[in-house]
Amino acid sequence: MSLHGAPQPPRSCLDRARSPTTLGELDTMRARAWQEHGVAVLPVTDITDPWLRQAITNEATRRWGRRQGGMHHGR
């Protein structure tokens, strides 16, 4: 509870009051990551070629380990 007229607590990126990121915001961040850093962020489920999807999944698993939770394609 706060007193009337009291200053607001400082804002933080850790504040849980923020609404979830929208799909449009995520797409904007993906574009910026590509344009500024050369990092491509692709949802694996969006890759339609099975061979390419598996190759990307294998490389990500090699670098960062198996995914925790979520859908595992082919399992």
PDB file of N, CA and C in Angstrom:
ATOM      1  N   MET A   1       0.847  -1.174   0.000  1.00  0.00           N
ATOM      2  CA  MET A   1       0.000   0.000   0.000  1.00  0.00           C
ATOM      3  C   MET A   1       0.888   1.231   0.000  1.00  0.00           C
ATOM      4  N   SER A   2       0.516   2.233  -0.790  1.00  0.00           N
ATOM      5  CA  SER A   2       1.297   3.470  -0.825  1.00  0.00           C
ATOM      6  C   SER A   2       0.416   4.634  -0.404  1.00  0.00           C
ATOM      7  N   LEU A   3       1.056   5.637   0.097  1.00  0.00           N
ATOM      8  CA  LEU A   3       0.343   6.830   0.524  1.00  0.00           C
ATOM      9  C   LEU A   3       0.021   7.704  -0.679  1.00  0.00           C
ATOM     10  N   HIS A   4      -1.083   8.416  -0.605  1.00  0.00           N
ATOM     11  CA  HIS A   4      -1.475   9.328  -1.681  1.00  0.00           C
ATOM     12  C   HIS A   4      -0.390  10.381  -1.878  1.00  0.00           C
ATOM     13  N   GLY A   5       0.069  10.531  -3.110  1.00  0.00           N
ATOM     14  CA  GLY A   5       1.089  11.532  -3.408  1.00  0.00           C
ATOM     15  C   GLY A   5       2.513  11.036  -3.220  1.00  0.00           C
ATOM     16  N   ALA A   6       2.683   9.818  -2.720  1.00  0.00           N
ATOM     17  CA  ALA A   6       4.029   9.280  -2.524  1.00  0.00           C
ATOM     18  C   ALA A   6       4.648   8.958  -3.884  1.00  0.00           C
ATOM     19  N   PRO A   7       5.972   9.039  -3.990  1.00  0.00           N
ATOM     20  CA  PRO A   7       6.600   8.725  -5.277  1.00  0.00           C
ATOM     21  C   PRO A   7       6.394   7.259  -5.647  1.00  0.00           C
ATOM     22  N   GLN A   8       6.360   7.009  -6.932  1.00  0.00           N
ATOM     23  CA  GLN A   8       6.223   5.653  -7.433  1.00  0.00           C
ATOM     24  C   GLN A   8       7.541   4.909  -7.248  1.00  0.00           C
ATOM     25  N   PRO A   9       7.502   3.597  -7.040  1.00  0.00           N
ATOM     26  CA  PRO A   9       8.753   2.841  -6.945  1.00  0.00           C
ATOM     27  C   PRO A   9       9.483   2.901  -8.288  1.00  0.00           C
ATOM     28  N   PRO A  10      10.804   2.744  -8.286  1.00  0.00           N
ATOM     29  CA  PRO A  10      11.541   2.808  -9.544  1.00  0.00           C
ATOM     30  C   PRO A  10      11.124   1.683 -10.490  1.00  0.00           C
ATOM     31  N   ARG A  11      11.132   1.978 -11.808  1.00  0.00           N
ATOM     32  CA  ARG A  11      10.803   0.968 -12.804  1.00  0.00           C
ATOM     33  C   ARG A  11      12.031   0.118 -13.072  1.00  0.00           C
ATOM     34  N   SER A  12      11.791  -1.120 -13.407  1.00  0.00           N
ATOM     35  CA  SER A  12      12.877  -2.049 -13.638  1.00  0.00           C
ATOM     36  C   SER A  12      12.494  -3.011 -14.751  1.00  0.00           C
ATOM     37  N   CYS A  13      13.497  -3.502 -15.487  1.00  0.00           N
ATOM     38  CA  CYS A  13      13.222  -4.515 -16.502  1.00  0.00           C
ATOM     39  C   CYS A  13      12.784  -5.818 -15.846  1.00  0.00           C
ATOM     40  N   LEU A  14      12.974  -5.925 -14.542  1.00  0.00           N
ATOM     41  CA  LEU A  14      12.570  -7.129 -13.816  1.00  0.00           C
ATOM     42  C   LEU A  14      11.135  -7.038 -13.313  1.00  0.00           C
ATOM     43  N   ASP A  15      10.495  -5.881 -13.542  1.00  0.00           N
ATOM     44  CA  ASP A  15       9.131  -5.677 -13.100  1.00  0.00           C
ATOM     45  C   ASP A  15       8.208  -6.642 -13.821  1.00  0.00           C
ATOM     46  N   ARG A  16       7.440  -7.403 -13.088  1.00  0.00           N
ATOM     47  CA  ARG A  16       6.575  -8.418 -13.687  1.00  0.00           C
ATOM     48  C   ARG A  16       5.241  -7.846 -14.163  1.00  0.00           C
ATOM     49  N   ALA A  17       5.029  -6.559 -14.047  1.00  0.00           N
ATOM     50  CA  ALA A  17       3.767  -5.965 -14.456  1.00  0.00           C
ATOM     51  C   ALA A  17       3.674  -5.810 -15.978  1.00  0.00           C
ATOM     52  N   ARG A  18       4.764  -5.956 -16.691  1.00  0.00           N
ATOM     53  CA  ARG A  18       4.757  -5.795 -18.139  1.00  0.00           C
ATOM     54  C   ARG A  18       4.006  -6.942 -18.792  1.00  0.00           C
ATOM     55  N   SER A  19       3.247  -6.616 -19.825  1.00  0.00           N
ATOM     56  CA  SER A  19       2.512  -7.656 -20.537  1.00  0.00           C
ATOM     57  C   SER A  19       3.483  -8.474 -21.394  1.00  0.00           C
ATOM     58  N   PRO A  20       3.097  -9.682 -21.759  1.00  0.00           N
ATOM     59  CA  PRO A  20       3.975 -10.524 -22.573  1.00  0.00           C
ATOM     60  C   PRO A  20       4.285  -9.876 -23.920  1.00  0.00           C
ATOM     61  N   THR A  21       5.420 -10.225 -24.474  1.00  0.00           N
ATOM     62  CA  THR A  21       5.824  -9.716 -25.771  1.00  0.00           C
ATOM     63  C   THR A  21       4.888 -10.255 -26.848  1.00  0.00           C
ATOM     64  N   THR A  22       4.461  -9.378 -27.750  1.00  0.00           N
ATOM     65  CA  THR A  22       3.563  -9.794 -28.827  1.00  0.00           C
ATOM     66  C   THR A  22       4.360 -10.432 -29.956  1.00  0.00           C
ATOM     67  N   LEU A  23       3.658 -11.137 -30.846  1.00  0.00           N
ATOM     68  CA  LEU A  23       4.322 -11.753 -31.996  1.00  0.00           C
ATOM     69  C   LEU A  23       4.967 -10.695 -32.891  1.00  0.00           C
ATOM     70  N   GLY A  24       4.317  -9.548 -33.042  1.00  0.00           N
ATOM     71  CA  GLY A  24       4.879  -8.461 -33.839  1.00  0.00           C
ATOM     72  C   GLY A  24       6.166  -7.921 -33.238  1.00  0.00           C
ATOM     73  N   GLU A  25       6.189  -7.776 -31.905  1.00  0.00           N
ATOM     74  CA  GLU A  25       7.405  -7.310 -31.226  1.00  0.00           C
ATOM     75  C   GLU A  25       8.533  -8.324 -31.371  1.00  0.00           C
ATOM     76  N   LEU A  26       8.202  -9.619 -31.268  1.00  0.00           N
ATOM     77  CA  LEU A  26       9.215 -10.658 -31.449  1.00  0.00           C
ATOM     78  C   LEU A  26       9.803 -10.611 -32.852  1.00  0.00           C
ATOM     79  N   ASP A  27       8.951 -10.432 -33.854  1.00  0.00           N
ATOM     80  CA  ASP A  27       9.425 -10.369 -35.227  1.00  0.00           C
ATOM     81  C   ASP A  27      10.334  -9.151 -35.438  1.00  0.00           C
ATOM     82  N   THR A  28       9.993  -8.029 -34.816  1.00  0.00           N
ATOM     83  CA  THR A  28      10.831  -6.829 -34.891  1.00  0.00           C
ATOM     84  C   THR A  28      12.191  -7.088 -34.256  1.00  0.00           C
ATOM     85  N   MET A  29      12.223  -7.768 -33.116  1.00  0.00           N
ATOM     86  CA  MET A  29      13.497  -8.089 -32.459  1.00  0.00           C
ATOM     87  C   MET A  29      14.329  -9.042 -33.312  1.00  0.00           C
ATOM     88  N   ARG A  30      13.663 -10.020 -33.961  1.00  0.00           N
ATOM     89  CA  ARG A  30      14.381 -10.949 -34.835  1.00  0.00           C
ATOM     90  C   ARG A  30      15.029 -10.209 -36.004  1.00  0.00           C
ATOM     91  N   ALA A  31      14.280  -9.283 -36.605  1.00  0.00           N
ATOM     92  CA  ALA A  31      14.808  -8.504 -37.728  1.00  0.00           C
ATOM     93  C   ALA A  31      16.007  -7.668 -37.284  1.00  0.00           C
ATOM     94  N   ARG A  32      15.892  -7.052 -36.138  1.00  0.00           N
ATOM     95  CA  ARG A  32      16.991  -6.223 -35.629  1.00  0.00           C
ATOM     96  C   ARG A  32      18.234  -7.060 -35.317  1.00  0.00           C
ATOM     97  N   ALA A  33      18.037  -8.245 -34.733  1.00  0.00           N
ATOM     98  CA  ALA A  33      19.165  -9.131 -34.436  1.00  0.00           C
ATOM     99  C   ALA A  33      19.887  -9.508 -35.724  1.00  0.00           C
ATOM    100  N   TRP A  34      19.118  -9.769 -36.785  1.00  0.00           N
ATOM    101  CA  TRP A  34      19.727 -10.116 -38.069  1.00  0.00           C
ATOM    102  C   TRP A  34      20.479  -8.932 -38.665  1.00  0.00           C
ATOM    103  N   GLN A  35      19.821  -7.777 -38.707  1.00  0.00           N
ATOM    104  CA  GLN A  35      20.395  -6.604 -39.356  1.00  0.00           C
ATOM    105  C   GLN A  35      21.600  -6.040 -38.616  1.00  0.00           C
ATOM    106  N   GLU A  36      21.561  -6.056 -37.303  1.00  0.00           N
ATOM    107  CA  GLU A  36      22.639  -5.430 -36.530  1.00  0.00           C
ATOM    108  C   GLU A  36      23.737  -6.398 -36.104  1.00  0.00           C
ATOM    109  N   HIS A  37      23.398  -7.673 -35.936  1.00  0.00           N
ATOM    110  CA  HIS A  37      24.374  -8.611 -35.378  1.00  0.00           C
ATOM    111  C   HIS A  37      24.624  -9.837 -36.251  1.00  0.00           C
ATOM    112  N   GLY A  38      23.863  -9.991 -37.327  1.00  0.00           N
ATOM    113  CA  GLY A  38      24.024 -11.163 -38.175  1.00  0.00           C
ATOM    114  C   GLY A  38      23.532 -12.442 -37.524  1.00  0.00           C
ATOM    115  N   VAL A  39      22.614 -12.310 -36.570  1.00  0.00           N
ATOM    116  CA  VAL A  39      22.063 -13.466 -35.861  1.00  0.00           C
ATOM    117  C   VAL A  39      20.658 -13.721 -36.391  1.00  0.00           C
ATOM    118  N   ALA A  40      20.430 -14.925 -36.911  1.00  0.00           N
ATOM    119  CA  ALA A  40      19.112 -15.290 -37.420  1.00  0.00           C
ATOM    120  C   ALA A  40      18.367 -16.086 -36.351  1.00  0.00           C
ATOM    121  N   VAL A  41      17.175 -15.647 -36.026  1.00  0.00           N
ATOM    122  CA  VAL A  41      16.340 -16.338 -35.041  1.00  0.00           C
ATOM    123  C   VAL A  41      15.140 -16.897 -35.796  1.00  0.00           C
ATOM    124  N   LEU A  42      15.134 -18.207 -35.945  1.00  0.00           N
ATOM    125  CA  LEU A  42      14.079 -18.867 -36.706  1.00  0.00           C
ATOM    126  C   LEU A  42      13.399 -19.919 -35.837  1.00  0.00           C
ATOM    127  N   PRO A  43      12.081 -19.827 -35.650  1.00  0.00           N
ATOM    128  CA  PRO A  43      11.400 -20.920 -34.956  1.00  0.00           C
ATOM    129  C   PRO A  43      11.548 -22.195 -35.790  1.00  0.00           C
ATOM    130  N   VAL A  44      12.001 -23.262 -35.177  1.00  0.00           N
ATOM    131  CA  VAL A  44      12.250 -24.513 -35.895  1.00  0.00           C
ATOM    132  C   VAL A  44      10.977 -24.995 -36.585  1.00  0.00           C
ATOM    133  N   THR A  45       9.843 -24.764 -35.985  1.00  0.00           N
ATOM    134  CA  THR A  45       8.576 -25.216 -36.581  1.00  0.00           C
ATOM    135  C   THR A  45       8.238 -24.450 -37.855  1.00  0.00           C
ATOM    136  N   ASP A  46       8.861 -23.289 -38.081  1.00  0.00           N
ATOM    137  CA  ASP A  46       8.618 -22.514 -39.300  1.00  0.00           C
ATOM    138  C   ASP A  46       9.444 -23.013 -40.487  1.00  0.00           C
ATOM    139  N   ILE A  47      10.416 -23.876 -40.247  1.00  0.00           N
ATOM    140  CA  ILE A  47      11.273 -24.385 -41.321  1.00  0.00           C
ATOM    141  C   ILE A  47      10.574 -25.593 -41.933  1.00  0.00           C
ATOM    142  N   THR A  48      10.183 -25.458 -43.204  1.00  0.00           N
ATOM    143  CA  THR A  48       9.365 -26.500 -43.826  1.00  0.00           C
ATOM    144  C   THR A  48      10.171 -27.648 -44.413  1.00  0.00           C
ATOM    145  N   ASP A  49      11.423 -27.422 -44.771  1.00  0.00           N
ATOM    146  CA  ASP A  49      12.246 -28.487 -45.334  1.00  0.00           C
ATOM    147  C   ASP A  49      12.730 -29.399 -44.206  1.00  0.00           C
ATOM    148  N   PRO A  50      12.346 -30.693 -44.217  1.00  0.00           N
ATOM    149  CA  PRO A  50      12.703 -31.583 -43.104  1.00  0.00           C
ATOM    150  C   PRO A  50      14.215 -31.746 -42.914  1.00  0.00           C
ATOM    151  N   TRP A  51      14.963 -31.829 -43.993  1.00  0.00           N
ATOM    152  CA  TRP A  51      16.414 -32.002 -43.889  1.00  0.00           C
ATOM    153  C   TRP A  51      17.052 -30.780 -43.241  1.00  0.00           C
ATOM    154  N   LEU A  52      16.662 -29.582 -43.694  1.00  0.00           N
ATOM    155  CA  LEU A  52      17.213 -28.346 -43.139  1.00  0.00           C
ATOM    156  C   LEU A  52      16.812 -28.169 -41.675  1.00  0.00           C
ATOM    157  N   ARG A  53      15.542 -28.469 -41.359  1.00  0.00           N
ATOM    158  CA  ARG A  53      15.071 -28.365 -39.969  1.00  0.00           C
ATOM    159  C   ARG A  53      15.884 -29.273 -39.057  1.00  0.00           C
ATOM    160  N   GLN A  54      16.139 -30.506 -39.496  1.00  0.00           N
ATOM    161  CA  GLN A  54      16.904 -31.437 -38.675  1.00  0.00           C
ATOM    162  C   GLN A  54      18.342 -30.993 -38.535  1.00  0.00           C
ATOM    163  N   ALA A  55      18.941 -30.470 -39.605  1.00  0.00           N
ATOM    164  CA  ALA A  55      20.329 -29.983 -39.543  1.00  0.00           C
ATOM    165  C   ALA A  55      20.457 -28.837 -38.543  1.00  0.00           C
ATOM    166  N   ILE A  56      19.502 -27.922 -38.553  1.00  0.00           N
ATOM    167  CA  ILE A  56      19.533 -26.791 -37.613  1.00  0.00           C
ATOM    168  C   ILE A  56      19.316 -27.282 -36.189  1.00  0.00           C
ATOM    169  N   THR A  57      18.390 -28.213 -36.008  1.00  0.00           N
ATOM    170  CA  THR A  57      18.146 -28.778 -34.681  1.00  0.00           C
ATOM    171  C   THR A  57      19.397 -29.484 -34.161  1.00  0.00           C
ATOM    172  N   ASN A  58      20.061 -30.244 -35.018  1.00  0.00           N
ATOM    173  CA  ASN A  58      21.278 -30.938 -34.606  1.00  0.00           C
ATOM    174  C   ASN A  58      22.371 -29.959 -34.185  1.00  0.00           C
ATOM    175  N   GLU A  59      22.550 -28.892 -34.937  1.00  0.00           N
ATOM    176  CA  GLU A  59      23.588 -27.908 -34.600  1.00  0.00           C
ATOM    177  C   GLU A  59      23.267 -27.189 -33.291  1.00  0.00           C
ATOM    178  N   ALA A  60      22.009 -26.806 -33.103  1.00  0.00           N
ATOM    179  CA  ALA A  60      21.620 -26.142 -31.853  1.00  0.00           C
ATOM    180  C   ALA A  60      21.825 -27.077 -30.660  1.00  0.00           C
ATOM    181  N   THR A  61      21.490 -28.347 -30.825  1.00  0.00           N
ATOM    182  CA  THR A  61      21.678 -29.321 -29.750  1.00  0.00           C
ATOM    183  C   THR A  61      23.160 -29.510 -29.449  1.00  0.00           C
ATOM    184  N   ARG A  62      23.983 -29.551 -30.490  1.00  0.00           N
ATOM    185  CA  ARG A  62      25.427 -29.694 -30.295  1.00  0.00           C
ATOM    186  C   ARG A  62      25.996 -28.504 -29.515  1.00  0.00           C
ATOM    187  N   ARG A  63      25.541 -27.305 -29.843  1.00  0.00           N
ATOM    188  CA  ARG A  63      26.083 -26.104 -29.201  1.00  0.00           C
ATOM    189  C   ARG A  63      25.545 -25.870 -27.788  1.00  0.00           C
ATOM    190  N   TRP A  64      24.232 -26.033 -27.629  1.00  0.00           N
ATOM    191  CA  TRP A  64      23.603 -25.607 -26.374  1.00  0.00           C
ATOM    192  C   TRP A  64      22.912 -26.719 -25.602  1.00  0.00           C
ATOM    193  N   GLY A  65      22.944 -27.952 -26.089  1.00  0.00           N
ATOM    194  CA  GLY A  65      22.309 -29.065 -25.385  1.00  0.00           C
ATOM    195  C   GLY A  65      20.861 -29.246 -25.792  1.00  0.00           C
ATOM    196  N   ARG A  66      20.281 -30.326 -25.300  1.00  0.00           N
ATOM    197  CA  ARG A  66      18.885 -30.632 -25.609  1.00  0.00           C
ATOM    198  C   ARG A  66      17.959 -29.588 -25.016  1.00  0.00           C
ATOM    199  N   ARG A  67      16.826 -29.380 -25.690  1.00  0.00           N
ATOM    200  CA  ARG A  67      15.810 -28.440 -25.201  1.00  0.00           C
ATOM    201  C   ARG A  67      15.138 -29.015 -23.957  1.00  0.00           C
ATOM    202  N   GLN A  68      14.775 -28.142 -23.056  1.00  0.00           N
ATOM    203  CA  GLN A  68      14.048 -28.528 -21.845  1.00  0.00           C
ATOM    204  C   GLN A  68      12.582 -28.178 -22.043  1.00  0.00           C
ATOM    205  N   GLY A  69      11.713 -29.175 -22.089  1.00  0.00           N
ATOM    206  CA  GLY A  69      10.289 -28.926 -22.263  1.00  0.00           C
ATOM    207  C   GLY A  69       9.974 -28.579 -23.703  1.00  0.00           C
ATOM    208  N   GLY A  70       8.717 -28.201 -23.947  1.00  0.00           N
ATOM    209  CA  GLY A  70       8.300 -27.846 -25.288  1.00  0.00           C
ATOM    210  C   GLY A  70       8.178 -29.070 -26.175  1.00  0.00           C
ATOM    211  N   MET A  71       7.823 -28.825 -27.425  1.00  0.00           N
ATOM    212  CA  MET A  71       7.667 -29.925 -28.383  1.00  0.00           C
ATOM    213  C   MET A  71       9.021 -30.368 -28.899  1.00  0.00           C
ATOM    214  N   HIS A  72       9.187 -31.649 -29.027  1.00  0.00           N
ATOM    215  CA  HIS A  72      10.390 -32.219 -29.622  1.00  0.00           C
ATOM    216  C   HIS A  72       9.950 -32.893 -30.912  1.00  0.00           C
ATOM    217  N   HIS A  73      10.298 -32.308 -32.035  1.00  0.00           N
ATOM    218  CA  HIS A  73       9.882 -32.845 -33.332  1.00  0.00           C
ATOM    219  C   HIS A  73      10.390 -34.274 -33.501  1.00  0.00           C
ATOM    220  N   GLY A  74       9.505 -35.156 -33.869  1.00  0.00           N
ATOM    221  CA  GLY A  74       9.888 -36.539 -34.120  1.00  0.00           C
ATOM    222  C   GLY A  74      10.011 -37.396 -32.890  1.00  0.00           C
ATOM    223  N   ARG A  75       9.570 -36.917 -31.760  1.00  0.00           N
ATOM    224  CA  ARG A  75       9.670 -37.710 -30.524  1.00  0.00           C
ATOM    225  C   ARG A  75       8.316 -37.910 -29.901  1.00  0.00           C
TER     226      ARG A  75
END
